[in-house]
Amino acid sequence: MRRLTPLTVFVLSAFGWIVVLTALWSQVSAWTSYPVGVLSHMALEQGAPMWIRQATVTPGNIEVDTAVSVPAPEQGGRRGELTVEANPARYAYGLPIFLALLFAARGKGLGWRAVAGWALLLPGQAFSLTMSLLMQIVMAAQTNIRLLRVSQWQMEAIIYGYQLGSLVLPTLVPILLWLWLDRRFVQDVLVRGWRDSLAPSAPPQS
């Protein structure tokens, strides 16, 4: 029976860890992602003071009261100030991905690297959450620049930031972070295994 290569073992182990850790993370995500909501709260107050009145962060939710006035259909077309909300964990699922790669590599210093990785993931997750909330405001205002009191380039920056934060960062950042924190394993196992897989096999002995 052919023996599995270290690269294959790593891939299978990482997949298994992702399944297990994602299930565990879903039970505690409201608490592990709470700092994401706090960072997003700070970013909104500093970056969009003309829109934000107050933001309330609780485990599993961030609610933002805005100064943006939009039509309220349930009130006969009268206008009301917009409130948006989101779950910070929605963009924090990179944590189990990062931990799965870390555990699959089985390197030294798992504890401190796990904690460091969790902390380093927070800014990117907060960016994604912030862009999601801003995009909700933009969509509710029907991208009306005059109503939102912003310029065209600011509107486009929010749209592109939302796409980056929702489609790219949640999965790319944990992988890049792991590649940086576990670079010796990457060099010794992954890169070497990839090179070996490209090398031509030796001809059979006659």
N, C-alpha and C. Protein backbone atom coordinates (compact mmCIF):
# COMPACT_ATOMS: atom_id res chain seq x y z
N MET A 1 0.85 -1.20 0.00
CA MET A 1 0.00 0.00 0.00
C MET A 1 0.89 1.25 0.00
N ARG A 2 0.56 2.18 -0.90
CA ARG A 2 1.38 3.37 -1.02
C ARG A 2 1.17 4.28 0.19
N ARG A 3 2.25 4.77 0.74
CA ARG A 3 2.19 5.63 1.91
C ARG A 3 1.82 7.06 1.51
N LEU A 4 0.97 7.70 2.32
CA LEU A 4 0.56 9.06 2.05
C LEU A 4 1.73 10.02 2.23
N THR A 5 1.82 11.00 1.36
CA THR A 5 2.87 12.01 1.46
C THR A 5 2.53 12.99 2.58
N PRO A 6 3.54 13.67 3.14
CA PRO A 6 3.26 14.69 4.18
C PRO A 6 2.28 15.76 3.70
N LEU A 7 2.37 16.12 2.43
CA LEU A 7 1.45 17.13 1.90
C LEU A 7 0.02 16.62 1.92
N THR A 8 -0.19 15.38 1.53
CA THR A 8 -1.54 14.79 1.55
C THR A 8 -2.07 14.68 2.96
N VAL A 9 -1.22 14.27 3.88
CA VAL A 9 -1.62 14.18 5.29
C VAL A 9 -2.04 15.55 5.82
N PHE A 10 -1.28 16.57 5.47
CA PHE A 10 -1.62 17.93 5.92
C PHE A 10 -2.97 18.36 5.37
N VAL A 11 -3.22 18.15 4.09
CA VAL A 11 -4.48 18.57 3.47
C VAL A 11 -5.66 17.85 4.12
N LEU A 12 -5.56 16.55 4.32
CA LEU A 12 -6.64 15.79 4.93
C LEU A 12 -6.87 16.23 6.38
N SER A 13 -5.77 16.46 7.10
CA SER A 13 -5.87 16.90 8.49
C SER A 13 -6.50 18.28 8.58
N ALA A 14 -6.08 19.19 7.69
CA ALA A 14 -6.63 20.54 7.70
C ALA A 14 -8.13 20.52 7.42
N PHE A 15 -8.55 19.70 6.47
CA PHE A 15 -9.98 19.61 6.16
C PHE A 15 -10.77 19.10 7.36
N GLY A 16 -10.24 18.07 8.02
CA GLY A 16 -10.92 17.55 9.21
C GLY A 16 -11.01 18.58 10.33
N TRP A 17 -9.91 19.29 10.55
CA TRP A 17 -9.91 20.32 11.58
C TRP A 17 -10.88 21.45 11.27
N ILE A 18 -11.00 21.82 9.99
CA ILE A 18 -11.93 22.87 9.61
C ILE A 18 -13.36 22.48 9.97
N VAL A 19 -13.73 21.23 9.70
CA VAL A 19 -15.08 20.76 10.02
C VAL A 19 -15.33 20.81 11.53
N VAL A 20 -14.37 20.30 12.30
CA VAL A 20 -14.54 20.23 13.76
C VAL A 20 -14.54 21.63 14.37
N LEU A 21 -13.56 22.44 13.99
CA LEU A 21 -13.42 23.75 14.61
C LEU A 21 -14.54 24.71 14.20
N THR A 22 -15.04 24.57 12.99
CA THR A 22 -16.16 25.41 12.57
C THR A 22 -17.40 25.10 13.40
N ALA A 23 -17.61 23.81 13.67
CA ALA A 23 -18.75 23.43 14.52
C ALA A 23 -18.60 23.99 15.93
N LEU A 24 -17.38 23.93 16.47
CA LEU A 24 -17.14 24.48 17.81
C LEU A 24 -17.24 26.00 17.80
N TRP A 25 -16.67 26.62 16.78
CA TRP A 25 -16.68 28.08 16.68
C TRP A 25 -18.10 28.63 16.60
N SER A 26 -18.99 27.92 15.92
CA SER A 26 -20.36 28.40 15.79
C SER A 26 -21.07 28.53 17.14
N GLN A 27 -20.58 27.80 18.13
CA GLN A 27 -21.18 27.85 19.46
C GLN A 27 -20.65 29.02 20.29
N VAL A 28 -19.48 29.51 19.95
CA VAL A 28 -18.87 30.59 20.75
C VAL A 28 -18.57 31.83 19.92
N SER A 29 -19.02 31.85 18.67
CA SER A 29 -18.66 32.94 17.76
C SER A 29 -19.16 34.30 18.25
N ALA A 30 -20.28 34.31 18.96
CA ALA A 30 -20.80 35.59 19.46
C ALA A 30 -19.80 36.27 20.38
N TRP A 31 -19.01 35.47 21.11
CA TRP A 31 -18.04 36.03 22.06
C TRP A 31 -16.68 36.24 21.41
N THR A 32 -16.23 35.30 20.57
CA THR A 32 -14.92 35.48 19.94
C THR A 32 -14.93 36.63 18.94
N SER A 33 -16.10 36.94 18.39
CA SER A 33 -16.19 38.05 17.43
C SER A 33 -16.66 39.35 18.07
N TYR A 34 -16.86 39.36 19.38
CA TYR A 34 -17.29 40.59 20.05
C TYR A 34 -16.31 41.75 19.82
N PRO A 35 -14.98 41.52 19.90
CA PRO A 35 -14.05 42.62 19.62
C PRO A 35 -14.17 43.16 18.20
N VAL A 36 -14.63 42.33 17.27
CA VAL A 36 -14.84 42.80 15.90
C VAL A 36 -15.89 43.91 15.88
N GLY A 37 -16.98 43.69 16.63
CA GLY A 37 -18.02 44.71 16.74
C GLY A 37 -17.51 45.98 17.39
N VAL A 38 -16.68 45.84 18.41
CA VAL A 38 -16.12 47.01 19.10
C VAL A 38 -15.24 47.83 18.15
N LEU A 39 -14.37 47.15 17.40
CA LEU A 39 -13.50 47.85 16.45
C LEU A 39 -14.31 48.52 15.35
N SER A 40 -15.34 47.84 14.88
CA SER A 40 -16.20 48.42 13.85
C SER A 40 -16.93 49.65 14.38
N HIS A 41 -17.38 49.58 15.63
CA HIS A 41 -18.03 50.72 16.28
C HIS A 41 -17.10 51.92 16.27
N MET A 42 -15.85 51.73 16.65
CA MET A 42 -14.88 52.81 16.67
C MET A 42 -14.62 53.35 15.27
N ALA A 43 -14.51 52.45 14.29
CA ALA A 43 -14.23 52.88 12.91
C ALA A 43 -15.39 53.70 12.35
N LEU A 44 -16.62 53.30 12.65
CA LEU A 44 -17.78 54.03 12.16
C LEU A 44 -17.85 55.43 12.76
N GLU A 45 -17.61 55.53 14.05
CA GLU A 45 -17.68 56.84 14.69
C GLU A 45 -16.59 57.78 14.20
N GLN A 46 -15.41 57.23 13.90
CA GLN A 46 -14.31 58.06 13.45
C GLN A 46 -14.37 58.33 11.95
N GLY A 47 -14.83 57.32 11.18
CA GLY A 47 -14.79 57.43 9.72
C GLY A 47 -16.04 57.99 9.08
N ALA A 48 -17.18 57.87 9.74
CA ALA A 48 -18.44 58.36 9.14
C ALA A 48 -19.27 59.10 10.18
N PRO A 49 -18.71 60.14 10.81
CA PRO A 49 -19.46 60.84 11.86
C PRO A 49 -20.70 61.55 11.34
N MET A 50 -20.74 61.85 10.02
CA MET A 50 -21.90 62.54 9.47
C MET A 50 -23.11 61.61 9.34
N TRP A 51 -22.87 60.30 9.43
CA TRP A 51 -23.96 59.32 9.31
C TRP A 51 -24.34 58.72 10.65
N ILE A 52 -23.37 58.52 11.53
CA ILE A 52 -23.57 57.69 12.72
C ILE A 52 -23.99 58.54 13.92
N ARG A 53 -25.10 58.17 14.54
CA ARG A 53 -25.52 58.79 15.80
C ARG A 53 -25.02 57.96 16.98
N GLN A 54 -25.27 56.67 16.92
CA GLN A 54 -24.91 55.80 18.04
C GLN A 54 -24.81 54.36 17.55
N ALA A 55 -23.86 53.64 18.09
CA ALA A 55 -23.71 52.22 17.79
C ALA A 55 -23.72 51.43 19.10
N THR A 56 -24.47 50.35 19.10
CA THR A 56 -24.57 49.50 20.29
C THR A 56 -24.07 48.11 19.94
N VAL A 57 -23.08 47.64 20.70
CA VAL A 57 -22.48 46.33 20.45
C VAL A 57 -22.85 45.38 21.57
N THR A 58 -23.40 44.23 21.20
CA THR A 58 -23.67 43.14 22.14
C THR A 58 -23.13 41.86 21.53
N PRO A 59 -22.90 40.82 22.33
CA PRO A 59 -22.43 39.56 21.74
C PRO A 59 -23.38 39.06 20.66
N GLY A 60 -22.88 38.95 19.43
CA GLY A 60 -23.68 38.46 18.32
C GLY A 60 -24.40 39.53 17.53
N ASN A 61 -24.23 40.81 17.87
CA ASN A 61 -24.96 41.84 17.14
C ASN A 61 -24.33 43.21 17.33
N ILE A 62 -24.41 44.03 16.27
CA ILE A 62 -24.08 45.44 16.36
C ILE A 62 -25.22 46.21 15.70
N GLU A 63 -25.76 47.17 16.39
CA GLU A 63 -26.88 47.97 15.89
C GLU A 63 -26.43 49.42 15.80
N VAL A 64 -26.67 50.04 14.65
CA VAL A 64 -26.19 51.39 14.40
C VAL A 64 -27.38 52.30 14.08
N ASP A 65 -27.56 53.32 14.90
CA ASP A 65 -28.56 54.36 14.63
C ASP A 65 -27.89 55.45 13.82
N THR A 66 -28.48 55.78 12.68
CA THR A 66 -27.86 56.75 11.77
C THR A 66 -28.67 58.04 11.71
N ALA A 67 -28.06 59.05 11.11
CA ALA A 67 -28.71 60.33 10.87
C ALA A 67 -29.23 60.41 9.45
N VAL A 68 -29.21 59.29 8.73
CA VAL A 68 -29.67 59.26 7.34
C VAL A 68 -31.17 59.06 7.32
N SER A 69 -31.89 59.96 6.68
CA SER A 69 -33.35 59.91 6.62
C SER A 69 -33.79 59.24 5.32
N VAL A 70 -34.62 58.19 5.44
CA VAL A 70 -35.12 57.46 4.27
C VAL A 70 -36.63 57.30 4.39
N PRO A 71 -37.33 57.10 3.27
CA PRO A 71 -38.78 56.89 3.33
C PRO A 71 -39.13 55.64 4.13
N ALA A 72 -40.19 55.73 4.93
CA ALA A 72 -40.66 54.61 5.73
C ALA A 72 -42.03 54.18 5.20
N PRO A 73 -42.09 53.10 4.39
CA PRO A 73 -43.34 52.70 3.75
C PRO A 73 -44.45 52.40 4.76
N GLU A 74 -44.08 51.83 5.91
CA GLU A 74 -45.10 51.48 6.89
C GLU A 74 -45.68 52.71 7.58
N GLN A 75 -45.11 53.89 7.31
CA GLN A 75 -45.60 55.13 7.91
C GLN A 75 -46.17 56.07 6.85
N GLY A 76 -46.72 55.49 5.80
CA GLY A 76 -47.36 56.29 4.76
C GLY A 76 -46.41 57.12 3.94
N GLY A 77 -45.19 56.67 3.78
CA GLY A 77 -44.22 57.39 2.95
C GLY A 77 -43.46 58.45 3.69
N ARG A 78 -43.77 58.68 4.95
CA ARG A 78 -43.00 59.66 5.72
C ARG A 78 -41.58 59.17 5.93
N ARG A 79 -40.67 60.08 6.17
CA ARG A 79 -39.26 59.74 6.30
C ARG A 79 -38.90 59.48 7.76
N GLY A 80 -37.95 58.57 7.94
CA GLY A 80 -37.46 58.26 9.27
C GLY A 80 -35.98 57.97 9.23
N GLU A 81 -35.33 58.11 10.34
CA GLU A 81 -33.89 57.85 10.40
C GLU A 81 -33.61 56.36 10.38
N LEU A 82 -32.62 56.00 9.61
CA LEU A 82 -32.31 54.60 9.34
C LEU A 82 -31.52 53.96 10.48
N THR A 83 -31.86 52.70 10.76
CA THR A 83 -31.10 51.87 11.70
C THR A 83 -30.66 50.60 10.97
N VAL A 84 -29.38 50.29 11.06
CA VAL A 84 -28.85 49.07 10.43
C VAL A 84 -28.20 48.21 11.50
N GLU A 85 -28.13 46.91 11.23
CA GLU A 85 -27.51 45.99 12.18
C GLU A 85 -26.89 44.82 11.44
N ALA A 86 -25.99 44.11 12.11
CA ALA A 86 -25.31 42.96 11.53
C ALA A 86 -24.74 42.11 12.64
N ASN A 87 -24.44 40.87 12.30
CA ASN A 87 -23.79 39.94 13.23
C ASN A 87 -22.28 39.98 12.96
N PRO A 88 -21.47 40.41 13.92
CA PRO A 88 -20.01 40.47 13.68
C PRO A 88 -19.41 39.14 13.26
N ALA A 89 -20.01 38.03 13.67
CA ALA A 89 -19.45 36.72 13.31
C ALA A 89 -19.60 36.40 11.83
N ARG A 90 -20.44 37.15 11.14
CA ARG A 90 -20.66 36.88 9.72
C ARG A 90 -19.37 36.96 8.92
N TYR A 91 -18.45 37.82 9.34
CA TYR A 91 -17.19 37.97 8.62
C TYR A 91 -15.99 37.50 9.46
N ALA A 92 -16.27 36.74 10.52
CA ALA A 92 -15.20 36.29 11.41
C ALA A 92 -14.94 34.80 11.31
N TYR A 93 -15.47 34.15 10.26
CA TYR A 93 -15.30 32.70 10.14
C TYR A 93 -13.88 32.32 9.71
N GLY A 94 -13.03 33.31 9.49
CA GLY A 94 -11.64 32.98 9.18
C GLY A 94 -10.88 32.40 10.36
N LEU A 95 -11.39 32.61 11.58
CA LEU A 95 -10.70 32.08 12.76
C LEU A 95 -10.60 30.55 12.74
N PRO A 96 -11.70 29.79 12.54
CA PRO A 96 -11.54 28.34 12.48
C PRO A 96 -10.68 27.87 11.31
N ILE A 97 -10.70 28.63 10.20
CA ILE A 97 -9.83 28.27 9.07
C ILE A 97 -8.37 28.41 9.47
N PHE A 98 -8.03 29.52 10.10
CA PHE A 98 -6.65 29.74 10.55
C PHE A 98 -6.22 28.68 11.55
N LEU A 99 -7.07 28.42 12.55
CA LEU A 99 -6.72 27.43 13.57
C LEU A 99 -6.59 26.03 12.98
N ALA A 100 -7.42 25.71 12.01
CA ALA A 100 -7.34 24.39 11.37
C ALA A 100 -5.99 24.20 10.68
N LEU A 101 -5.54 25.22 9.96
CA LEU A 101 -4.23 25.14 9.30
C LEU A 101 -3.12 25.04 10.33
N LEU A 102 -3.26 25.79 11.42
CA LEU A 102 -2.25 25.78 12.47
C LEU A 102 -2.15 24.41 13.13
N PHE A 103 -3.30 23.82 13.46
CA PHE A 103 -3.32 22.51 14.12
C PHE A 103 -2.86 21.41 13.18
N ALA A 104 -3.21 21.53 11.90
CA ALA A 104 -2.81 20.51 10.93
C ALA A 104 -1.30 20.49 10.74
N ALA A 105 -0.66 21.66 10.86
CA ALA A 105 0.80 21.73 10.72
C ALA A 105 1.52 21.16 11.93
N ARG A 106 0.86 21.18 13.09
CA ARG A 106 1.39 20.59 14.33
C ARG A 106 2.79 21.11 14.68
N GLY A 107 2.96 22.42 14.53
CA GLY A 107 4.24 23.02 14.89
C GLY A 107 4.32 23.37 16.36
N LYS A 108 5.45 23.91 16.77
CA LYS A 108 5.64 24.30 18.16
C LYS A 108 4.97 25.65 18.42
N GLY A 109 4.69 25.90 19.69
CA GLY A 109 4.11 27.19 20.07
C GLY A 109 2.70 27.40 19.58
N LEU A 110 1.89 26.34 19.59
CA LEU A 110 0.52 26.46 19.09
C LEU A 110 -0.29 27.49 19.88
N GLY A 111 -0.08 27.51 21.21
CA GLY A 111 -0.87 28.39 22.05
C GLY A 111 -0.70 29.86 21.71
N TRP A 112 0.55 30.32 21.71
CA TRP A 112 0.77 31.75 21.47
C TRP A 112 0.46 32.13 20.04
N ARG A 113 0.68 31.22 19.09
CA ARG A 113 0.36 31.54 17.70
C ARG A 113 -1.15 31.57 17.47
N ALA A 114 -1.89 30.73 18.18
CA ALA A 114 -3.35 30.76 18.06
C ALA A 114 -3.91 32.08 18.59
N VAL A 115 -3.41 32.52 19.74
CA VAL A 115 -3.87 33.79 20.31
C VAL A 115 -3.44 34.96 19.43
N ALA A 116 -2.20 34.93 18.97
CA ALA A 116 -1.70 36.01 18.11
C ALA A 116 -2.51 36.07 16.81
N GLY A 117 -2.81 34.91 16.24
CA GLY A 117 -3.59 34.87 15.01
C GLY A 117 -4.99 35.43 15.19
N TRP A 118 -5.63 35.06 16.31
CA TRP A 118 -6.97 35.59 16.60
C TRP A 118 -6.94 37.12 16.68
N ALA A 119 -5.93 37.66 17.36
CA ALA A 119 -5.83 39.12 17.50
C ALA A 119 -5.52 39.79 16.17
N LEU A 120 -4.65 39.19 15.37
CA LEU A 120 -4.28 39.79 14.09
C LEU A 120 -5.39 39.70 13.05
N LEU A 121 -6.30 38.77 13.23
CA LEU A 121 -7.43 38.65 12.30
C LEU A 121 -8.49 39.73 12.54
N LEU A 122 -8.53 40.29 13.73
CA LEU A 122 -9.60 41.21 14.11
C LEU A 122 -9.71 42.44 13.21
N PRO A 123 -8.60 43.13 12.88
CA PRO A 123 -8.74 44.34 12.04
C PRO A 123 -9.39 44.06 10.68
N GLY A 124 -8.98 42.99 10.02
CA GLY A 124 -9.58 42.66 8.73
C GLY A 124 -11.05 42.32 8.85
N GLN A 125 -11.42 41.60 9.90
CA GLN A 125 -12.82 41.27 10.12
C GLN A 125 -13.64 42.51 10.43
N ALA A 126 -13.06 43.43 11.20
CA ALA A 126 -13.74 44.69 11.51
C ALA A 126 -13.93 45.53 10.24
N PHE A 127 -12.96 45.51 9.35
CA PHE A 127 -13.10 46.21 8.08
C PHE A 127 -14.28 45.65 7.29
N SER A 128 -14.37 44.32 7.21
CA SER A 128 -15.47 43.69 6.47
C SER A 128 -16.82 44.05 7.08
N LEU A 129 -16.91 44.01 8.40
CA LEU A 129 -18.16 44.34 9.08
C LEU A 129 -18.52 45.80 8.85
N THR A 130 -17.55 46.69 8.96
CA THR A 130 -17.80 48.12 8.77
C THR A 130 -18.29 48.41 7.36
N MET A 131 -17.66 47.81 6.37
CA MET A 131 -18.08 48.01 4.99
C MET A 131 -19.49 47.46 4.75
N SER A 132 -19.83 46.37 5.41
CA SER A 132 -21.18 45.81 5.29
C SER A 132 -22.23 46.77 5.83
N LEU A 133 -21.95 47.36 6.98
CA LEU A 133 -22.90 48.31 7.58
C LEU A 133 -23.02 49.58 6.73
N LEU A 134 -21.89 50.07 6.23
CA LEU A 134 -21.93 51.25 5.37
C LEU A 134 -22.68 50.96 4.07
N MET A 135 -22.51 49.75 3.55
CA MET A 135 -23.21 49.39 2.32
C MET A 135 -24.71 49.32 2.56
N GLN A 136 -25.13 48.86 3.73
CA GLN A 136 -26.56 48.86 4.05
C GLN A 136 -27.12 50.28 4.02
N ILE A 137 -26.35 51.22 4.56
CA ILE A 137 -26.79 52.62 4.55
C ILE A 137 -26.89 53.14 3.12
N VAL A 138 -25.87 52.84 2.32
CA VAL A 138 -25.85 53.30 0.93
C VAL A 138 -27.04 52.74 0.15
N MET A 139 -27.32 51.45 0.33
CA MET A 139 -28.41 50.83 -0.40
C MET A 139 -29.76 51.35 0.06
N ALA A 140 -29.91 51.57 1.36
CA ALA A 140 -31.17 52.10 1.88
C ALA A 140 -31.43 53.50 1.34
N ALA A 141 -30.37 54.27 1.11
CA ALA A 141 -30.50 55.60 0.54
C ALA A 141 -30.51 55.58 -0.98
N GLN A 142 -30.53 54.36 -1.56
CA GLN A 142 -30.59 54.19 -3.01
C GLN A 142 -29.43 54.91 -3.72
N THR A 143 -28.26 54.83 -3.10
CA THR A 143 -27.02 55.42 -3.62
C THR A 143 -27.20 56.89 -4.02
N ASN A 144 -28.02 57.58 -3.27
CA ASN A 144 -28.27 59.00 -3.53
C ASN A 144 -27.15 59.82 -2.90
N ILE A 145 -26.26 60.35 -3.72
CA ILE A 145 -25.10 61.09 -3.23
C ILE A 145 -25.52 62.34 -2.46
N ARG A 146 -26.54 63.01 -2.96
CA ARG A 146 -26.99 64.25 -2.31
C ARG A 146 -27.57 63.96 -0.94
N LEU A 147 -28.34 62.88 -0.84
CA LEU A 147 -28.93 62.51 0.44
C LEU A 147 -27.86 62.10 1.44
N LEU A 148 -26.86 61.36 0.97
CA LEU A 148 -25.81 60.85 1.85
C LEU A 148 -24.72 61.88 2.13
N ARG A 149 -24.71 62.96 1.35
CA ARG A 149 -23.73 64.04 1.55
C ARG A 149 -22.29 63.54 1.39
N VAL A 150 -22.07 62.77 0.34
CA VAL A 150 -20.73 62.27 0.02
C VAL A 150 -20.45 62.53 -1.45
N SER A 151 -19.19 62.42 -1.84
CA SER A 151 -18.81 62.57 -3.25
C SER A 151 -18.88 61.21 -3.95
N GLN A 152 -18.76 61.25 -5.28
CA GLN A 152 -18.85 60.01 -6.06
C GLN A 152 -17.74 59.04 -5.70
N TRP A 153 -16.53 59.55 -5.50
CA TRP A 153 -15.41 58.65 -5.20
C TRP A 153 -15.59 57.97 -3.84
N GLN A 154 -16.19 58.67 -2.89
CA GLN A 154 -16.46 58.05 -1.58
C GLN A 154 -17.50 56.93 -1.71
N MET A 155 -18.51 57.17 -2.54
CA MET A 155 -19.51 56.14 -2.79
C MET A 155 -18.87 54.91 -3.41
N GLU A 156 -18.03 55.11 -4.41
CA GLU A 156 -17.37 53.98 -5.08
C GLU A 156 -16.42 53.27 -4.14
N ALA A 157 -15.75 54.02 -3.25
CA ALA A 157 -14.84 53.39 -2.28
C ALA A 157 -15.60 52.46 -1.35
N ILE A 158 -16.80 52.86 -0.94
CA ILE A 158 -17.61 52.00 -0.07
C ILE A 158 -18.04 50.74 -0.81
N ILE A 159 -18.44 50.90 -2.06
CA ILE A 159 -18.88 49.73 -2.85
C ILE A 159 -17.73 48.75 -3.05
N TYR A 160 -16.56 49.27 -3.45
CA TYR A 160 -15.40 48.39 -3.66
C TYR A 160 -14.91 47.80 -2.34
N GLY A 161 -14.97 48.61 -1.28
CA GLY A 161 -14.57 48.10 0.03
C GLY A 161 -15.48 46.99 0.51
N TYR A 162 -16.77 47.12 0.22
CA TYR A 162 -17.72 46.06 0.59
C TYR A 162 -17.42 44.77 -0.17
N GLN A 163 -17.15 44.88 -1.47
CA GLN A 163 -16.83 43.69 -2.26
C GLN A 163 -15.55 43.02 -1.75
N LEU A 164 -14.55 43.83 -1.45
CA LEU A 164 -13.30 43.29 -0.92
C LEU A 164 -13.53 42.63 0.44
N GLY A 165 -14.29 43.30 1.29
CA GLY A 165 -14.51 42.79 2.64
C GLY A 165 -15.41 41.58 2.72
N SER A 166 -16.29 41.41 1.74
CA SER A 166 -17.22 40.27 1.79
C SER A 166 -16.75 39.08 0.97
N LEU A 167 -16.00 39.32 -0.10
CA LEU A 167 -15.63 38.23 -1.01
C LEU A 167 -14.19 37.76 -0.86
N VAL A 168 -13.30 38.62 -0.40
CA VAL A 168 -11.87 38.29 -0.42
C VAL A 168 -11.28 38.13 0.98
N LEU A 169 -11.39 39.15 1.80
CA LEU A 169 -10.67 39.18 3.07
C LEU A 169 -11.03 38.05 4.04
N PRO A 170 -12.30 37.68 4.20
CA PRO A 170 -12.62 36.66 5.23
C PRO A 170 -11.89 35.35 5.06
N THR A 171 -11.61 34.93 3.82
CA THR A 171 -10.91 33.66 3.61
C THR A 171 -9.43 33.84 3.28
N LEU A 172 -9.08 34.95 2.62
CA LEU A 172 -7.69 35.14 2.21
C LEU A 172 -6.80 35.50 3.38
N VAL A 173 -7.25 36.39 4.26
CA VAL A 173 -6.41 36.86 5.37
C VAL A 173 -5.98 35.72 6.30
N PRO A 174 -6.88 34.82 6.74
CA PRO A 174 -6.41 33.74 7.63
C PRO A 174 -5.38 32.82 6.97
N ILE A 175 -5.50 32.61 5.67
CA ILE A 175 -4.53 31.77 4.98
C ILE A 175 -3.18 32.47 4.90
N LEU A 176 -3.18 33.75 4.54
CA LEU A 176 -1.92 34.50 4.47
C LEU A 176 -1.27 34.62 5.84
N LEU A 177 -2.09 34.81 6.86
CA LEU A 177 -1.57 34.92 8.22
C LEU A 177 -0.91 33.62 8.66
N TRP A 178 -1.55 32.50 8.34
CA TRP A 178 -0.96 31.21 8.69
C TRP A 178 0.34 30.98 7.92
N LEU A 179 0.36 31.34 6.64
CA LEU A 179 1.59 31.18 5.85
C LEU A 179 2.74 31.96 6.47
N TRP A 180 2.44 33.10 7.05
CA TRP A 180 3.48 33.92 7.67
C TRP A 180 3.92 33.35 9.01
N LEU A 181 2.97 32.92 9.85
CA LEU A 181 3.31 32.42 11.18
C LEU A 181 3.92 31.02 11.14
N ASP A 182 3.62 30.26 10.10
CA ASP A 182 4.12 28.88 9.99
C ASP A 182 5.03 28.73 8.78
N ARG A 183 5.86 29.75 8.51
CA ARG A 183 6.63 29.72 7.28
C ARG A 183 7.65 28.59 7.21
N ARG A 184 8.18 28.13 8.35
CA ARG A 184 9.12 27.01 8.30
C ARG A 184 8.43 25.74 7.82
N PHE A 185 7.24 25.48 8.35
CA PHE A 185 6.48 24.31 7.89
C PHE A 185 6.14 24.44 6.42
N VAL A 186 5.73 25.63 6.00
CA VAL A 186 5.39 25.86 4.60
C VAL A 186 6.58 25.55 3.70
N GLN A 187 7.76 26.00 4.11
CA GLN A 187 8.95 25.78 3.30
C GLN A 187 9.37 24.31 3.31
N ASP A 188 9.35 23.69 4.50
CA ASP A 188 9.88 22.33 4.63
C ASP A 188 8.92 21.27 4.11
N VAL A 189 7.62 21.50 4.22
CA VAL A 189 6.65 20.46 3.86
C VAL A 189 5.87 20.82 2.60
N LEU A 190 5.23 21.96 2.59
CA LEU A 190 4.37 22.28 1.46
C LEU A 190 5.15 22.56 0.19
N VAL A 191 6.15 23.45 0.29
CA VAL A 191 6.92 23.77 -0.91
C VAL A 191 7.70 22.57 -1.40
N ARG A 192 8.31 21.82 -0.47
CA ARG A 192 9.07 20.63 -0.87
C ARG A 192 8.15 19.57 -1.45
N GLY A 193 6.97 19.38 -0.84
CA GLY A 193 6.03 18.41 -1.38
C GLY A 193 5.53 18.80 -2.75
N TRP A 194 5.31 20.09 -2.97
CA TRP A 194 4.86 20.55 -4.28
C TRP A 194 5.95 20.32 -5.32
N ARG A 195 7.21 20.60 -4.95
CA ARG A 195 8.31 20.37 -5.89
C ARG A 195 8.46 18.89 -6.21
N ASP A 196 8.32 18.05 -5.19
CA ASP A 196 8.44 16.61 -5.43
C ASP A 196 7.34 16.10 -6.35
N SER A 197 6.14 16.69 -6.23
CA SER A 197 5.04 16.24 -7.08
C SER A 197 5.26 16.63 -8.54
N LEU A 198 6.07 17.68 -8.77
CA LEU A 198 6.36 18.11 -10.14
C LEU A 198 7.54 17.38 -10.74
N ALA A 199 8.37 16.80 -9.87
CA ALA A 199 9.57 16.10 -10.36
C ALA A 199 9.17 14.83 -11.10
N PRO A 200 9.82 14.52 -12.24
CA PRO A 200 9.50 13.29 -12.97
C PRO A 200 9.86 12.06 -12.16
N SER A 201 8.99 11.08 -12.20
CA SER A 201 9.24 9.85 -11.44
C SER A 201 10.34 9.03 -12.12
N ALA A 202 11.06 8.29 -11.28
CA ALA A 202 12.16 7.47 -11.79
C ALA A 202 11.60 6.30 -12.60
N PRO A 203 12.25 5.95 -13.70
CA PRO A 203 11.76 4.82 -14.52
C PRO A 203 11.86 3.52 -13.74
N PRO A 204 10.94 2.60 -13.96
CA PRO A 204 10.98 1.32 -13.24
C PRO A 204 12.24 0.54 -13.57
N GLN A 205 12.76 -0.16 -12.54
CA GLN A 205 13.96 -0.99 -12.72
C GLN A 205 13.60 -2.25 -13.50
N SER A 206 14.43 -2.57 -14.51
CA SER A 206 14.19 -3.77 -15.29
C SER A 206 14.79 -4.99 -14.61
